[in-house]
Amino acid sequence: MSAKSEPCRNVQRHPVYEALLEATARQLGAAIAAVELSFSLSDADELRTLLGDAGFQHIQITPQSLDIHLPSPERFVQLTVLGVATSIPAFMRLGAAERSTLVDAVIDETHAVAKRYRKGRTLHFR
């Protein structure tokens, strides 16, 4: 069996995501590990070991970076918060109004970081 993977880089290499995830965890009173799941396989050696242990023999791991250009930063924050928080039981118990309040709180808390990556009305980061 063969496997080819392009793992996410460690969340600390993504200041925008790092700020969003930390703020989301803080607002929900959760551990950061609970919201970092999409970045949990950022270590190429760990990923290679997991794939090898699963029976894959020809493993190719290629780190990639993407230039991100988002026309609606607020919508990006909303979708990111709603996506990462689904692994937290406290979030799943929130109603629509409480989820909206959570998103607004994360937007407020991460405003300074997002401002550094804004160009006009667009958010740009790598």
PDB file of N, CA and C in Angstrom:
ATOM      1  N   MET A   1       0.835  -1.185   0.000  1.00  0.00           N
ATOM      2  CA  MET A   1       0.000   0.000   0.000  1.00  0.00           C
ATOM      3  C   MET A   1       0.878   1.245   0.000  1.00  0.00           C
ATOM      4  N   SER A   2       0.364   2.279  -0.627  1.00  0.00           N
ATOM      5  CA  SER A   2       1.068   3.560  -0.691  1.00  0.00           C
ATOM      6  C   SER A   2       0.206   4.653  -0.082  1.00  0.00           C
ATOM      7  N   ALA A   3       0.869   5.671   0.417  1.00  0.00           N
ATOM      8  CA  ALA A   3       0.155   6.829   0.965  1.00  0.00           C
ATOM      9  C   ALA A   3       0.921   8.089   0.616  1.00  0.00           C
ATOM     10  N   LYS A   4       0.185   9.114   0.240  1.00  0.00           N
ATOM     11  CA  LYS A   4       0.770  10.427  -0.006  1.00  0.00           C
ATOM     12  C   LYS A   4       0.000  11.411   0.858  1.00  0.00           C
ATOM     13  N   SER A   5       0.709  12.235   1.599  1.00  0.00           N
ATOM     14  CA  SER A   5       0.043  13.152   2.518  1.00  0.00           C
ATOM     15  C   SER A   5       0.685  14.526   2.469  1.00  0.00           C
ATOM     16  N   GLU A   6      -0.143  15.540   2.671  1.00  0.00           N
ATOM     17  CA  GLU A   6       0.306  16.925   2.810  1.00  0.00           C
ATOM     18  C   GLU A   6      -0.215  17.426   4.150  1.00  0.00           C
ATOM     19  N   PRO A   7       0.543  17.190   5.229  1.00  0.00           N
ATOM     20  CA  PRO A   7       0.042  17.549   6.564  1.00  0.00           C
ATOM     21  C   PRO A   7      -0.029  19.053   6.780  1.00  0.00           C
ATOM     22  N   CYS A   8      -0.934  19.447   7.664  1.00  0.00           N
ATOM     23  CA  CYS A   8      -0.978  20.844   8.105  1.00  0.00           C
ATOM     24  C   CYS A   8       0.268  21.115   8.929  1.00  0.00           C
ATOM     25  N   ARG A   9       0.741  22.327   8.862  1.00  0.00           N
ATOM     26  CA  ARG A   9       1.858  22.703   9.727  1.00  0.00           C
ATOM     27  C   ARG A   9       1.345  22.928  11.136  1.00  0.00           C
ATOM     28  N   ASN A  10       2.262  22.916  12.059  1.00  0.00           N
ATOM     29  CA  ASN A  10       1.946  23.151  13.455  1.00  0.00           C
ATOM     30  C   ASN A  10       1.181  24.467  13.593  1.00  0.00           C
ATOM     31  N   VAL A  11       0.182  24.494  14.461  1.00  0.00           N
ATOM     32  CA  VAL A  11      -0.668  25.682  14.608  1.00  0.00           C
ATOM     33  C   VAL A  11       0.137  26.923  14.995  1.00  0.00           C
ATOM     34  N   GLN A  12       1.266  26.752  15.688  1.00  0.00           N
ATOM     35  CA  GLN A  12       2.080  27.908  16.075  1.00  0.00           C
ATOM     36  C   GLN A  12       2.696  28.599  14.860  1.00  0.00           C
ATOM     37  N   ARG A  13       2.683  27.961  13.708  1.00  0.00           N
ATOM     38  CA  ARG A  13       3.201  28.575  12.486  1.00  0.00           C
ATOM     39  C   ARG A  13       2.107  29.330  11.731  1.00  0.00           C
ATOM     40  N   HIS A  14       0.904  29.335  12.293  1.00  0.00           N
ATOM     41  CA  HIS A  14      -0.240  30.022  11.693  1.00  0.00           C
ATOM     42  C   HIS A  14      -0.824  30.981  12.725  1.00  0.00           C
ATOM     43  N   PRO A  15      -0.298  32.200  12.844  1.00  0.00           N
ATOM     44  CA  PRO A  15      -0.757  33.117  13.900  1.00  0.00           C
ATOM     45  C   PRO A  15      -2.259  33.395  13.886  1.00  0.00           C
ATOM     46  N   VAL A  16      -2.871  33.452  12.721  1.00  0.00           N
ATOM     47  CA  VAL A  16      -4.311  33.721  12.660  1.00  0.00           C
ATOM     48  C   VAL A  16      -5.073  32.545  13.261  1.00  0.00           C
ATOM     49  N   TYR A  17      -4.754  31.337  12.806  1.00  0.00           N
ATOM     50  CA  TYR A  17      -5.421  30.158  13.364  1.00  0.00           C
ATOM     51  C   TYR A  17      -5.111  29.990  14.848  1.00  0.00           C
ATOM     52  N   GLU A  18      -3.870  30.232  15.231  1.00  0.00           N
ATOM     53  CA  GLU A  18      -3.490  30.095  16.636  1.00  0.00           C
ATOM     54  C   GLU A  18      -4.344  31.016  17.512  1.00  0.00           C
ATOM     55  N   ALA A  19      -4.503  32.265  17.090  1.00  0.00           N
ATOM     56  CA  ALA A  19      -5.321  33.215  17.853  1.00  0.00           C
ATOM     57  C   ALA A  19      -6.779  32.765  17.908  1.00  0.00           C
ATOM     58  N   LEU A  20      -7.312  32.313  16.779  1.00  0.00           N
ATOM     59  CA  LEU A  20      -8.707  31.862  16.737  1.00  0.00           C
ATOM     60  C   LEU A  20      -8.930  30.652  17.640  1.00  0.00           C
ATOM     61  N   LEU A  21      -8.024  29.690  17.566  1.00  0.00           N
ATOM     62  CA  LEU A  21      -8.193  28.475  18.363  1.00  0.00           C
ATOM     63  C   LEU A  21      -8.040  28.754  19.853  1.00  0.00           C
ATOM     64  N   GLU A  22      -7.053  29.571  20.210  1.00  0.00           N
ATOM     65  CA  GLU A  22      -6.871  29.908  21.627  1.00  0.00           C
ATOM     66  C   GLU A  22      -8.079  30.664  22.168  1.00  0.00           C
ATOM     67  N   ALA A  23      -8.589  31.612  21.393  1.00  0.00           N
ATOM     68  CA  ALA A  23      -9.754  32.383  21.838  1.00  0.00           C
ATOM     69  C   ALA A  23     -10.985  31.492  21.963  1.00  0.00           C
ATOM     70  N   THR A  24     -11.172  30.599  21.004  1.00  0.00           N
ATOM     71  CA  THR A  24     -12.321  29.690  21.052  1.00  0.00           C
ATOM     72  C   THR A  24     -12.242  28.798  22.284  1.00  0.00           C
ATOM     73  N   ALA A  25     -11.070  28.221  22.524  1.00  0.00           N
ATOM     74  CA  ALA A  25     -10.900  27.359  23.700  1.00  0.00           C
ATOM     75  C   ALA A  25     -11.148  28.148  24.985  1.00  0.00           C
ATOM     76  N   ARG A  26     -10.601  29.348  25.049  1.00  0.00           N
ATOM     77  CA  ARG A  26     -10.763  30.186  26.244  1.00  0.00           C
ATOM     78  C   ARG A  26     -12.246  30.523  26.467  1.00  0.00           C
ATOM     79  N   GLN A  27     -12.939  30.914  25.417  1.00  0.00           N
ATOM     80  CA  GLN A  27     -14.351  31.280  25.541  1.00  0.00           C
ATOM     81  C   GLN A  27     -15.213  30.097  25.990  1.00  0.00           C
ATOM     82  N   LEU A  28     -14.807  28.887  25.588  1.00  0.00           N
ATOM     83  CA  LEU A  28     -15.578  27.693  25.947  1.00  0.00           C
ATOM     84  C   LEU A  28     -15.068  27.012  27.217  1.00  0.00           C
ATOM     85  N   GLY A  29     -13.968  27.543  27.779  1.00  0.00           N
ATOM     86  CA  GLY A  29     -13.391  26.918  28.962  1.00  0.00           C
ATOM     87  C   GLY A  29     -12.853  25.525  28.667  1.00  0.00           C
ATOM     88  N   ALA A  30     -12.319  25.352  27.468  1.00  0.00           N
ATOM     89  CA  ALA A  30     -11.827  24.044  27.030  1.00  0.00           C
ATOM     90  C   ALA A  30     -10.310  24.066  26.868  1.00  0.00           C
ATOM     91  N   ALA A  31      -9.730  22.899  26.835  1.00  0.00           N
ATOM     92  CA  ALA A  31      -8.293  22.778  26.578  1.00  0.00           C
ATOM     93  C   ALA A  31      -8.021  23.085  25.110  1.00  0.00           C
ATOM     94  N   ILE A  32      -6.887  23.718  24.835  1.00  0.00           N
ATOM     95  CA  ILE A  32      -6.537  24.054  23.455  1.00  0.00           C
ATOM     96  C   ILE A  32      -6.470  22.800  22.592  1.00  0.00           C
ATOM     97  N   ALA A  33      -6.038  21.688  23.145  1.00  0.00           N
ATOM     98  CA  ALA A  33      -5.944  20.439  22.378  1.00  0.00           C
ATOM     99  C   ALA A  33      -7.303  20.012  21.827  1.00  0.00           C
ATOM    100  N   ALA A  34      -8.371  20.399  22.494  1.00  0.00           N
ATOM    101  CA  ALA A  34      -9.711  20.021  22.045  1.00  0.00           C
ATOM    102  C   ALA A  34     -10.122  20.730  20.762  1.00  0.00           C
ATOM    103  N   VAL A  35      -9.526  21.879  20.473  1.00  0.00           N
ATOM    104  CA  VAL A  35      -9.898  22.621  19.266  1.00  0.00           C
ATOM    105  C   VAL A  35      -8.817  22.596  18.189  1.00  0.00           C
ATOM    106  N   GLU A  36      -7.665  22.008  18.489  1.00  0.00           N
ATOM    107  CA  GLU A  36      -6.553  21.961  17.537  1.00  0.00           C
ATOM    108  C   GLU A  36      -6.548  20.702  16.672  1.00  0.00           C
ATOM    109  N   LEU A  37      -7.627  19.979  16.625  1.00  0.00           N
ATOM    110  CA  LEU A  37      -7.625  18.681  15.961  1.00  0.00           C
ATOM    111  C   LEU A  37      -7.165  18.737  14.510  1.00  0.00           C
ATOM    112  N   SER A  38      -7.514  19.779  13.781  1.00  0.00           N
ATOM    113  CA  SER A  38      -7.111  19.847  12.372  1.00  0.00           C
ATOM    114  C   SER A  38      -5.611  20.045  12.210  1.00  0.00           C
ATOM    115  N   PHE A  39      -4.921  20.408  13.284  1.00  0.00           N
ATOM    116  CA  PHE A  39      -3.468  20.584  13.248  1.00  0.00           C
ATOM    117  C   PHE A  39      -2.751  19.462  14.006  1.00  0.00           C
ATOM    118  N   SER A  40      -3.470  18.440  14.421  1.00  0.00           N
ATOM    119  CA  SER A  40      -2.897  17.429  15.305  1.00  0.00           C
ATOM    120  C   SER A  40      -1.887  16.510  14.629  1.00  0.00           C
ATOM    121  N   LEU A  41      -1.890  16.423  13.324  1.00  0.00           N
ATOM    122  CA  LEU A  41      -0.906  15.587  12.621  1.00  0.00           C
ATOM    123  C   LEU A  41       0.091  16.445  11.862  1.00  0.00           C
ATOM    124  N   SER A  42       0.600  17.457  12.509  1.00  0.00           N
ATOM    125  CA  SER A  42       1.545  18.362  11.849  1.00  0.00           C
ATOM    126  C   SER A  42       2.975  17.840  11.876  1.00  0.00           C
ATOM    127  N   ASP A  43       3.249  16.828  12.683  1.00  0.00           N
ATOM    128  CA  ASP A  43       4.589  16.256  12.788  1.00  0.00           C
ATOM    129  C   ASP A  43       4.747  15.157  11.736  1.00  0.00           C
ATOM    130  N   ALA A  44       5.609  15.392  10.744  1.00  0.00           N
ATOM    131  CA  ALA A  44       5.785  14.448   9.638  1.00  0.00           C
ATOM    132  C   ALA A  44       6.262  13.085  10.128  1.00  0.00           C
ATOM    133  N   ASP A  45       7.155  13.054  11.110  1.00  0.00           N
ATOM    134  CA  ASP A  45       7.653  11.770  11.622  1.00  0.00           C
ATOM    135  C   ASP A  45       6.541  10.972  12.296  1.00  0.00           C
ATOM    136  N   GLU A  46       5.708  11.657  13.061  1.00  0.00           N
ATOM    137  CA  GLU A  46       4.587  10.979  13.716  1.00  0.00           C
ATOM    138  C   GLU A  46       3.610  10.441  12.678  1.00  0.00           C
ATOM    139  N   LEU A  47       3.318  11.242  11.662  1.00  0.00           N
ATOM    140  CA  LEU A  47       2.418  10.814  10.600  1.00  0.00           C
ATOM    141  C   LEU A  47       2.997   9.616   9.853  1.00  0.00           C
ATOM    142  N   ARG A  48       4.291   9.660   9.549  1.00  0.00           N
ATOM    143  CA  ARG A  48       4.963   8.548   8.864  1.00  0.00           C
ATOM    144  C   ARG A  48       4.864   7.272   9.708  1.00  0.00           C
ATOM    145  N   THR A  49       5.078   7.387  11.011  1.00  0.00           N
ATOM    146  CA  THR A  49       4.980   6.229  11.905  1.00  0.00           C
ATOM    147  C   THR A  49       3.564   5.667  11.916  1.00  0.00           C
ATOM    148  N   LEU A  50       2.571   6.534  12.024  1.00  0.00           N
ATOM    149  CA  LEU A  50       1.177   6.080  12.033  1.00  0.00           C
ATOM    150  C   LEU A  50       0.817   5.359  10.740  1.00  0.00           C
ATOM    151  N   LEU A  51       1.236   5.922   9.612  1.00  0.00           N
ATOM    152  CA  LEU A  51       0.941   5.288   8.326  1.00  0.00           C
ATOM    153  C   LEU A  51       1.684   3.964   8.182  1.00  0.00           C
ATOM    154  N   GLY A  52       2.944   3.938   8.624  1.00  0.00           N
ATOM    155  CA  GLY A  52       3.715   2.696   8.583  1.00  0.00           C
ATOM    156  C   GLY A  52       3.090   1.623   9.459  1.00  0.00           C
ATOM    157  N   ASP A  53       2.668   1.996  10.659  1.00  0.00           N
ATOM    158  CA  ASP A  53       2.017   1.049  11.571  1.00  0.00           C
ATOM    159  C   ASP A  53       0.693   0.538  11.006  1.00  0.00           C
ATOM    160  N   ALA A  54       0.063   1.322  10.129  1.00  0.00           N
ATOM    161  CA  ALA A  54      -1.201   0.918   9.510  1.00  0.00           C
ATOM    162  C   ALA A  54      -0.980   0.032   8.281  1.00  0.00           C
ATOM    163  N   GLY A  55       0.289  -0.224   7.947  1.00  0.00           N
ATOM    164  CA  GLY A  55       0.575  -1.133   6.840  1.00  0.00           C
ATOM    165  C   GLY A  55       1.022  -0.478   5.550  1.00  0.00           C
ATOM    166  N   PHE A  56       1.086   0.831   5.526  1.00  0.00           N
ATOM    167  CA  PHE A  56       1.555   1.513   4.319  1.00  0.00           C
ATOM    168  C   PHE A  56       3.071   1.369   4.224  1.00  0.00           C
ATOM    169  N   GLN A  57       3.564   1.106   3.012  1.00  0.00           N
ATOM    170  CA  GLN A  57       4.997   0.887   2.825  1.00  0.00           C
ATOM    171  C   GLN A  57       5.669   2.026   2.076  1.00  0.00           C
ATOM    172  N   HIS A  58       5.020   2.569   1.096  1.00  0.00           N
ATOM    173  CA  HIS A  58       5.580   3.663   0.297  1.00  0.00           C
ATOM    174  C   HIS A  58       4.883   4.948   0.727  1.00  0.00           C
ATOM    175  N   ILE A  59       5.534   5.672   1.607  1.00  0.00           N
ATOM    176  CA  ILE A  59       4.921   6.853   2.216  1.00  0.00           C
ATOM    177  C   ILE A  59       5.668   8.091   1.750  1.00  0.00           C
ATOM    178  N   GLN A  60       4.920   9.035   1.197  1.00  0.00           N
ATOM    179  CA  GLN A  60       5.502  10.302   0.761  1.00  0.00           C
ATOM    180  C   GLN A  60       4.771  11.431   1.477  1.00  0.00           C
ATOM    181  N   ILE A  61       5.511  12.203   2.248  1.00  0.00           N
ATOM    182  CA  ILE A  61       4.934  13.329   2.984  1.00  0.00           C
ATOM    183  C   ILE A  61       5.573  14.601   2.455  1.00  0.00           C
ATOM    184  N   THR A  62       4.741  15.509   1.972  1.00  0.00           N
ATOM    185  CA  THR A  62       5.220  16.740   1.365  1.00  0.00           C
ATOM    186  C   THR A  62       4.616  17.940   2.085  1.00  0.00           C
ATOM    187  N   PRO A  63       5.407  18.654   2.892  1.00  0.00           N
ATOM    188  CA  PRO A  63       4.875  19.860   3.542  1.00  0.00           C
ATOM    189  C   PRO A  63       4.486  20.911   2.496  1.00  0.00           C
ATOM    190  N   GLN A  64       3.362  21.541   2.704  1.00  0.00           N
ATOM    191  CA  GLN A  64       2.859  22.555   1.784  1.00  0.00           C
ATOM    192  C   GLN A  64       2.423  23.788   2.566  1.00  0.00           C
ATOM    193  N   SER A  65       2.528  24.934   1.928  1.00  0.00           N
ATOM    194  CA  SER A  65       1.971  26.171   2.472  1.00  0.00           C
ATOM    195  C   SER A  65       1.096  26.791   1.403  1.00  0.00           C
ATOM    196  N   LEU A  66      -0.002  27.333   1.810  1.00  0.00           N
ATOM    197  CA  LEU A  66      -0.921  27.986   0.882  1.00  0.00           C
ATOM    198  C   LEU A  66      -1.037  29.458   1.235  1.00  0.00           C
ATOM    199  N   ASP A  67      -1.128  30.290   0.220  1.00  0.00           N
ATOM    200  CA  ASP A  67      -1.445  31.696   0.441  1.00  0.00           C
ATOM    201  C   ASP A  67      -2.961  31.807   0.496  1.00  0.00           C
ATOM    202  N   ILE A  68      -3.471  32.298   1.600  1.00  0.00           N
ATOM    203  CA  ILE A  68      -4.911  32.397   1.819  1.00  0.00           C
ATOM    204  C   ILE A  68      -5.345  33.849   1.630  1.00  0.00           C
ATOM    205  N   HIS A  69      -6.391  34.046   0.842  1.00  0.00           N
ATOM    206  CA  HIS A  69      -6.971  35.370   0.598  1.00  0.00           C
ATOM    207  C   HIS A  69      -8.476  35.229   0.828  1.00  0.00           C
ATOM    208  N   LEU A  70      -8.969  35.821   1.889  1.00  0.00           N
ATOM    209  CA  LEU A  70     -10.373  35.674   2.259  1.00  0.00           C
ATOM    210  C   LEU A  70     -11.095  37.012   2.180  1.00  0.00           C
ATOM    211  N   PRO A  71     -12.131  37.092   1.347  1.00  0.00           N
ATOM    212  CA  PRO A  71     -12.839  38.355   1.178  1.00  0.00           C
ATOM    213  C   PRO A  71     -13.740  38.730   2.352  1.00  0.00           C
ATOM    214  N   SER A  72     -14.056  37.777   3.208  1.00  0.00           N
ATOM    215  CA  SER A  72     -14.937  38.053   4.338  1.00  0.00           C
ATOM    216  C   SER A  72     -14.316  37.504   5.624  1.00  0.00           C
ATOM    217  N   PRO A  73     -13.429  38.285   6.264  1.00  0.00           N
ATOM    218  CA  PRO A  73     -12.773  37.809   7.480  1.00  0.00           C
ATOM    219  C   PRO A  73     -13.746  37.380   8.583  1.00  0.00           C
ATOM    220  N   GLU A  74     -14.834  38.103   8.746  1.00  0.00           N
ATOM    221  CA  GLU A  74     -15.787  37.768   9.800  1.00  0.00           C
ATOM    222  C   GLU A  74     -16.437  36.409   9.533  1.00  0.00           C
ATOM    223  N   ARG A  75     -16.750  36.139   8.275  1.00  0.00           N
ATOM    224  CA  ARG A  75     -17.339  34.839   7.910  1.00  0.00           C
ATOM    225  C   ARG A  75     -16.319  33.721   8.134  1.00  0.00           C
ATOM    226  N   PHE A  76     -15.058  33.992   7.824  1.00  0.00           N
ATOM    227  CA  PHE A  76     -13.991  33.021   8.061  1.00  0.00           C
ATOM    228  C   PHE A  76     -13.907  32.683   9.546  1.00  0.00           C
ATOM    229  N   VAL A  77     -13.940  33.702  10.398  1.00  0.00           N
ATOM    230  CA  VAL A  77     -13.896  33.465  11.844  1.00  0.00           C
ATOM    231  C   VAL A  77     -15.104  32.633  12.260  1.00  0.00           C
ATOM    232  N   GLN A  78     -16.271  33.009  11.781  1.00  0.00           N
ATOM    233  CA  GLN A  78     -17.487  32.279  12.135  1.00  0.00           C
ATOM    234  C   GLN A  78     -17.367  30.803  11.758  1.00  0.00           C
ATOM    235  N   LEU A  79     -16.981  30.520  10.523  1.00  0.00           N
ATOM    236  CA  LEU A  79     -16.887  29.132  10.071  1.00  0.00           C
ATOM    237  C   LEU A  79     -15.793  28.366  10.810  1.00  0.00           C
ATOM    238  N   THR A  80     -14.680  29.029  11.094  1.00  0.00           N
ATOM    239  CA  THR A  80     -13.596  28.375  11.825  1.00  0.00           C
ATOM    240  C   THR A  80     -14.034  28.033  13.241  1.00  0.00           C
ATOM    241  N   VAL A  81     -14.620  28.988  13.934  1.00  0.00           N
ATOM    242  CA  VAL A  81     -15.075  28.753  15.310  1.00  0.00           C
ATOM    243  C   VAL A  81     -16.121  27.647  15.339  1.00  0.00           C
ATOM    244  N   LEU A  82     -17.101  27.724  14.467  1.00  0.00           N
ATOM    245  CA  LEU A  82     -18.158  26.716  14.458  1.00  0.00           C
ATOM    246  C   LEU A  82     -17.613  25.341  14.092  1.00  0.00           C
ATOM    247  N   GLY A  83     -16.603  25.305  13.242  1.00  0.00           N
ATOM    248  CA  GLY A  83     -16.005  24.025  12.852  1.00  0.00           C
ATOM    249  C   GLY A  83     -15.175  23.393  13.947  1.00  0.00           C
ATOM    250  N   VAL A  84     -14.281  24.173  14.552  1.00  0.00           N
ATOM    251  CA  VAL A  84     -13.380  23.591  15.554  1.00  0.00           C
ATOM    252  C   VAL A  84     -14.082  23.301  16.873  1.00  0.00           C
ATOM    253  N   ALA A  85     -15.117  24.037  17.175  1.00  0.00           N
ATOM    254  CA  ALA A  85     -15.780  23.875  18.471  1.00  0.00           C
ATOM    255  C   ALA A  85     -16.698  22.659  18.525  1.00  0.00           C
ATOM    256  N   THR A  86     -16.968  22.040  17.385  1.00  0.00           N
ATOM    257  CA  THR A  86     -17.888  20.892  17.383  1.00  0.00           C
ATOM    258  C   THR A  86     -17.367  19.707  18.181  1.00  0.00           C
ATOM    259  N   SER A  87     -16.072  19.679  18.479  1.00  0.00           N
ATOM    260  CA  SER A  87     -15.515  18.574  19.268  1.00  0.00           C
ATOM    261  C   SER A  87     -15.638  18.821  20.773  1.00  0.00           C
ATOM    262  N   ILE A  88     -16.235  19.934  21.155  1.00  0.00           N
ATOM    263  CA  ILE A  88     -16.347  20.292  22.574  1.00  0.00           C
ATOM    264  C   ILE A  88     -17.805  20.142  23.018  1.00  0.00           C
ATOM    265  N   PRO A  89     -18.069  19.247  23.964  1.00  0.00           N
ATOM    266  CA  PRO A  89     -19.453  19.017  24.398  1.00  0.00           C
ATOM    267  C   PRO A  89     -20.190  20.285  24.826  1.00  0.00           C
ATOM    268  N   ALA A  90     -19.511  21.197  25.510  1.00  0.00           N
ATOM    269  CA  ALA A  90     -20.172  22.432  25.954  1.00  0.00           C
ATOM    270  C   ALA A  90     -20.693  23.227  24.763  1.00  0.00           C
ATOM    271  N   PHE A  91     -19.963  23.218  23.666  1.00  0.00           N
ATOM    272  CA  PHE A  91     -20.394  23.934  22.471  1.00  0.00           C
ATOM    273  C   PHE A  91     -21.651  23.294  21.885  1.00  0.00           C
ATOM    274  N   MET A  92     -21.688  21.982  21.890  1.00  0.00           N
ATOM    275  CA  MET A  92     -22.819  21.276  21.291  1.00  0.00           C
ATOM    276  C   MET A  92     -24.124  21.565  22.034  1.00  0.00           C
ATOM    277  N   ARG A  93     -24.019  21.988  23.280  1.00  0.00           N
ATOM    278  CA  ARG A  93     -25.223  22.303  24.067  1.00  0.00           C
ATOM    279  C   ARG A  93     -25.698  23.745  23.875  1.00  0.00           C
ATOM    280  N   LEU A  94     -24.925  24.560  23.163  1.00  0.00           N
ATOM    281  CA  LEU A  94     -25.294  25.963  22.960  1.00  0.00           C
ATOM    282  C   LEU A  94     -26.396  26.096  21.919  1.00  0.00           C
ATOM    283  N   GLY A  95     -27.289  27.040  22.153  1.00  0.00           N
ATOM    284  CA  GLY A  95     -28.302  27.370  21.170  1.00  0.00           C
ATOM    285  C   GLY A  95     -27.730  28.327  20.132  1.00  0.00           C
ATOM    286  N   ALA A  96     -28.515  28.655  19.123  1.00  0.00           N
ATOM    287  CA  ALA A  96     -28.058  29.517  18.026  1.00  0.00           C
ATOM    288  C   ALA A  96     -27.596  30.887  18.526  1.00  0.00           C
ATOM    289  N   ALA A  97     -28.344  31.490  19.439  1.00  0.00           N
ATOM    290  CA  ALA A  97     -27.978  32.819  19.950  1.00  0.00           C
ATOM    291  C   ALA A  97     -26.667  32.758  20.730  1.00  0.00           C
ATOM    292  N   GLU A  98     -26.488  31.702  21.513  1.00  0.00           N
ATOM    293  CA  GLU A  98     -25.246  31.557  22.288  1.00  0.00           C
ATOM    294  C   GLU A  98     -24.049  31.299  21.368  1.00  0.00           C
ATOM    295  N   ARG A  99     -24.266  30.558  20.298  1.00  0.00           N
ATOM    296  CA  ARG A  99     -23.181  30.327  19.335  1.00  0.00           C
ATOM    297  C   ARG A  99     -22.793  31.634  18.655  1.00  0.00           C
ATOM    298  N   SER A 100     -23.780  32.440  18.333  1.00  0.00           N
ATOM    299  CA  SER A 100     -23.512  33.741  17.724  1.00  0.00           C
ATOM    300  C   SER A 100     -22.732  34.636  18.685  1.00  0.00           C
ATOM    301  N   THR A 101     -23.096  34.597  19.960  1.00  0.00           N
ATOM    302  CA  THR A 101     -22.375  35.366  20.980  1.00  0.00           C
ATOM    303  C   THR A 101     -20.933  34.882  21.090  1.00  0.00           C
ATOM    304  N   LEU A 102     -20.730  33.574  21.020  1.00  0.00           N
ATOM    305  CA  LEU A 102     -19.381  33.002  21.053  1.00  0.00           C
ATOM    306  C   LEU A 102     -18.552  33.517  19.881  1.00  0.00           C
ATOM    307  N   VAL A 103     -19.114  33.463  18.682  1.00  0.00           N
ATOM    308  CA  VAL A 103     -18.400  33.941  17.490  1.00  0.00           C
ATOM    309  C   VAL A 103     -18.047  35.414  17.644  1.00  0.00           C
ATOM    310  N   ASP A 104     -18.990  36.226  18.106  1.00  0.00           N
ATOM    311  CA  ASP A 104     -18.719  37.656  18.306  1.00  0.00           C
ATOM    312  C   ASP A 104     -17.597  37.875  19.320  1.00  0.00           C
ATOM    313  N   ALA A 105     -17.580  37.081  20.386  1.00  0.00           N
ATOM    314  CA  ALA A 105     -16.529  37.209  21.405  1.00  0.00           C
ATOM    315  C   ALA A 105     -15.167  36.848  20.824  1.00  0.00           C
ATOM    316  N   VAL A 106     -15.112  35.814  19.989  1.00  0.00           N
ATOM    317  CA  VAL A 106     -13.846  35.421  19.365  1.00  0.00           C
ATOM    318  C   VAL A 106     -13.401  36.490  18.368  1.00  0.00           C
ATOM    319  N   ILE A 107     -14.327  37.048  17.607  1.00  0.00           N
ATOM    320  CA  ILE A 107     -13.987  38.138  16.678  1.00  0.00           C
ATOM    321  C   ILE A 107     -13.384  39.305  17.456  1.00  0.00           C
ATOM    322  N   ASP A 108     -14.020  39.689  18.558  1.00  0.00           N
ATOM    323  CA  ASP A 108     -13.502  40.796  19.375  1.00  0.00           C
ATOM    324  C   ASP A 108     -12.119  40.478  19.934  1.00  0.00           C
ATOM    325  N   GLU A 109     -11.953  39.254  20.430  1.00  0.00           N
ATOM    326  CA  GLU A 109     -10.689  38.871  21.065  1.00  0.00           C
ATOM    327  C   GLU A 109      -9.537  38.760  20.066  1.00  0.00           C
ATOM    328  N   THR A 110      -9.843  38.427  18.829  1.00  0.00           N
ATOM    329  CA  THR A 110      -8.779  38.209  17.835  1.00  0.00           C
ATOM    330  C   THR A 110      -8.626  39.380  16.866  1.00  0.00           C
ATOM    331  N   HIS A 111      -9.332  40.443  17.120  1.00  0.00           N
ATOM    332  CA  HIS A 111      -9.315  41.596  16.213  1.00  0.00           C
ATOM    333  C   HIS A 111      -7.901  42.117  15.955  1.00  0.00           C
ATOM    334  N   ALA A 112      -7.096  42.242  16.995  1.00  0.00           N
ATOM    335  CA  ALA A 112      -5.741  42.799  16.840  1.00  0.00           C
ATOM    336  C   ALA A 112      -4.875  41.922  15.948  1.00  0.00           C
ATOM    337  N   VAL A 113      -4.979  40.610  16.104  1.00  0.00           N
ATOM    338  CA  VAL A 113      -4.196  39.696  15.256  1.00  0.00           C
ATOM    339  C   VAL A 113      -4.693  39.774  13.819  1.00  0.00           C
ATOM    340  N   ALA A 114      -5.998  39.700  13.636  1.00  0.00           N
ATOM    341  CA  ALA A 114      -6.559  39.745  12.285  1.00  0.00           C
ATOM    342  C   ALA A 114      -6.207  41.048  11.573  1.00  0.00           C
ATOM    343  N   LYS A 115      -6.164  42.135  12.314  1.00  0.00           N
ATOM    344  CA  LYS A 115      -5.851  43.446  11.726  1.00  0.00           C
ATOM    345  C   LYS A 115      -4.478  43.444  11.054  1.00  0.00           C
ATOM    346  N   ARG A 116      -3.525  42.720  11.630  1.00  0.00           N
ATOM    347  CA  ARG A 116      -2.179  42.646  11.043  1.00  0.00           C
ATOM    348  C   ARG A 116      -2.177  41.950   9.688  1.00  0.00           C
ATOM    349  N   TYR A 117      -3.182  41.135   9.419  1.00  0.00           N
ATOM    350  CA  TYR A 117      -3.230  40.359   8.180  1.00  0.00           C
ATOM    351  C   TYR A 117      -4.300  40.854   7.211  1.00  0.00           C
ATOM    352  N   ARG A 118      -4.888  41.989   7.515  1.00  0.00           N
ATOM    353  CA  ARG A 118      -5.914  42.564   6.630  1.00  0.00           C
ATOM    354  C   ARG A 118      -5.283  43.476   5.606  1.00  0.00           C
ATOM    355  N   LYS A 119      -5.794  43.390   4.414  1.00  0.00           N
ATOM    356  CA  LYS A 119      -5.458  44.322   3.339  1.00  0.00           C
ATOM    357  C   LYS A 119      -6.796  44.819   2.821  1.00  0.00           C
ATOM    358  N   GLY A 120      -7.160  46.007   3.261  1.00  0.00           N
ATOM    359  CA  GLY A 120      -8.498  46.501   2.944  1.00  0.00           C
ATOM    360  C   GLY A 120      -9.521  45.664   3.692  1.00  0.00           C
ATOM    361  N   ARG A 121     -10.470  45.114   2.962  1.00  0.00           N
ATOM    362  CA  ARG A 121     -11.502  44.280   3.579  1.00  0.00           C
ATOM    363  C   ARG A 121     -11.161  42.789   3.510  1.00  0.00           C
ATOM    364  N   THR A 122      -9.980  42.451   2.993  1.00  0.00           N
ATOM    365  CA  THR A 122      -9.598  41.058   2.774  1.00  0.00           C
ATOM    366  C   THR A 122      -8.545  40.611   3.784  1.00  0.00           C
ATOM    367  N   LEU A 123      -8.629  39.358   4.184  1.00  0.00           N
ATOM    368  CA  LEU A 123      -7.661  38.760   5.096  1.00  0.00           C
ATOM    369  C   LEU A 123      -6.673  37.942   4.268  1.00  0.00           C
ATOM    370  N   HIS A 124      -5.375  38.198   4.457  1.00  0.00           N
ATOM    371  CA  HIS A 124      -4.314  37.498   3.717  1.00  0.00           C
ATOM    372  C   HIS A 124      -3.345  36.885   4.717  1.00  0.00           C
ATOM    373  N   PHE A 125      -3.105  35.596   4.576  1.00  0.00           N
ATOM    374  CA  PHE A 125      -2.076  34.957   5.404  1.00  0.00           C
ATOM    375  C   PHE A 125      -1.625  33.672   4.748  1.00  0.00           C
ATOM    376  N   ARG A 126      -0.565  33.113   5.289  1.00  0.00           N
ATOM    377  CA  ARG A 126       0.006  31.872   4.751  1.00  0.00           C
ATOM    378  C   ARG A 126      -0.040  30.826   5.820  1.00  0.00           C
TER     379      ARG A 126
END
